Protein backbone atom coordinates (compact mmCIF):
# COMPACT_ATOMS: atom_id res chain seq x y z
CA MET A 1 -3.28 5.18 -10.09
CA GLY A 2 -0.69 2.62 -9.07
CA VAL A 3 0.87 0.57 -6.31
CA ILE A 4 1.23 2.16 -2.88
CA SER A 5 3.36 1.18 0.10
CA PHE A 6 3.27 1.59 3.86
CA LYS A 7 6.87 1.09 5.05
CA CYS A 8 7.82 0.78 8.71
CA HIS A 9 11.21 2.42 9.30
CA THR A 10 11.97 0.51 12.51
CA THR A 11 11.49 -2.97 11.03
CA ASP A 12 12.05 -2.10 7.35
CA GLU A 13 8.86 -4.00 6.47
CA ALA A 14 6.80 -2.81 3.50
CA PHE A 15 3.15 -3.49 2.77
CA LEU A 16 1.78 -2.99 -0.76
CA THR A 17 -1.63 -2.61 -2.33
CA ILE A 18 -3.18 -1.23 -5.50
CA ALA A 19 -5.00 2.08 -5.77
CA SER A 20 -7.05 3.65 -8.52
CA ASP A 21 -6.95 6.86 -6.45
CA THR A 22 -3.73 6.87 -4.41
CA THR A 23 -4.67 9.73 -2.09
CA ALA A 24 -8.04 8.20 -1.23
CA LYS A 25 -6.49 4.76 -0.64
CA PHE A 26 -3.79 6.19 1.64
CA ASN A 27 -6.48 8.02 3.64
CA ARG A 28 -8.70 4.95 3.86
CA ILE A 29 -5.93 2.67 5.12
CA ARG A 30 -4.64 5.30 7.56
CA PHE A 31 -8.18 5.61 8.94
CA GLN A 32 -8.46 1.81 9.29
CA LEU A 33 -5.09 1.67 11.05
CA SER A 34 -5.99 4.53 13.40
CA ALA A 35 -9.23 2.75 14.28
CA GLY A 36 -7.48 -0.62 14.77
CA GLN A 37 -9.43 -2.08 11.86
CA CYS A 38 -6.76 -2.87 9.24
CA PRO A 39 -7.29 -6.30 7.65
CA ASN A 40 -3.51 -6.93 7.63
CA LYS A 41 -2.80 -7.85 11.25
CA GLN A 42 1.00 -7.50 10.93
CA LEU A 43 0.70 -3.97 9.54
CA GLN A 44 -1.83 -3.13 12.26
CA ALA A 45 0.49 -4.45 14.99
CA LEU A 46 3.44 -2.39 13.69
CA TRP A 47 1.28 0.73 13.37
CA THR A 48 0.00 0.27 16.93
CA GLN A 49 3.47 -0.39 18.32
CA TYR A 50 5.51 2.27 16.47
CA GLY A 51 2.90 4.84 15.47
CA GLU A 52 2.10 6.65 12.26
CA ASN A 53 5.29 8.76 12.37
CA ASP A 54 7.42 5.61 11.94
CA PHE A 55 5.83 4.90 8.55
CA GLU A 56 6.69 6.17 5.11
CA LEU A 57 3.81 6.22 2.65
CA LEU A 58 4.94 5.93 -0.96
CA VAL A 59 3.58 5.51 -4.45
CA VAL A 60 5.88 2.69 -5.56
CA LYS A 61 4.80 2.48 -9.22
CA CYS A 62 2.37 4.47 -11.31
CA LEU A 63 0.25 2.86 -13.99
CA GLU A 64 0.23 4.66 -17.30
CA TYR A 65 -3.17 4.60 -18.95
CA ASP A 66 -5.15 6.36 -21.68
CA ASP A 67 -8.72 6.22 -20.37
CA PRO A 68 -9.22 6.97 -16.65
CA ALA A 69 -12.83 5.74 -16.84
CA GLU A 70 -11.69 2.27 -17.88
CA ASP A 71 -11.31 -0.50 -15.27
CA HIS A 72 -7.56 -1.01 -14.74
CA THR A 73 -7.78 -3.50 -11.87
CA GLU A 74 -6.13 -6.34 -13.78
CA GLU A 75 -3.20 -4.17 -14.86
CA LEU A 76 -2.83 -2.82 -11.32
CA GLU A 77 -2.76 -6.35 -9.89
CA THR A 78 -0.05 -7.33 -12.40
CA LEU A 79 1.94 -4.23 -11.48
CA CYS A 80 1.61 -5.08 -7.78
CA GLU A 81 2.82 -8.65 -8.40
CA LEU A 82 5.88 -7.26 -10.20
CA CYS A 83 6.58 -4.96 -7.24
CA LEU A 84 6.32 -7.92 -4.85
CA ILE A 85 8.78 -9.89 -7.00
CA GLU A 86 11.18 -6.93 -7.02
CA ASN A 87 10.90 -6.63 -3.22
CA PRO A 88 10.53 -10.17 -1.80
CA GLN A 89 10.32 -8.86 1.80
CA ALA A 90 7.21 -6.83 0.95
CA LYS A 91 3.75 -8.14 1.76
CA ARG A 92 0.27 -7.35 0.52
CA ILE A 93 -2.06 -5.30 2.63
């Protein structure tokens, strides 16, 4: 659970989003990108132009929590905002 990033090596652009299940979220976004269906048009354009191999997929920050069944959306959003402040060039997916 945390903030994930898709970073294009060629342009050095990073795109962040939150994930309660990081593996599932990476897979979902990769599927959207492969199908040309990503809601972030800039990320989609870079993916189409440079291909999947030009991207680094990272877990930027992990959220520490006690109860995995609890809804941590608010905390994840706050964590994502902090990551965006730390990296002003990054954008949201």
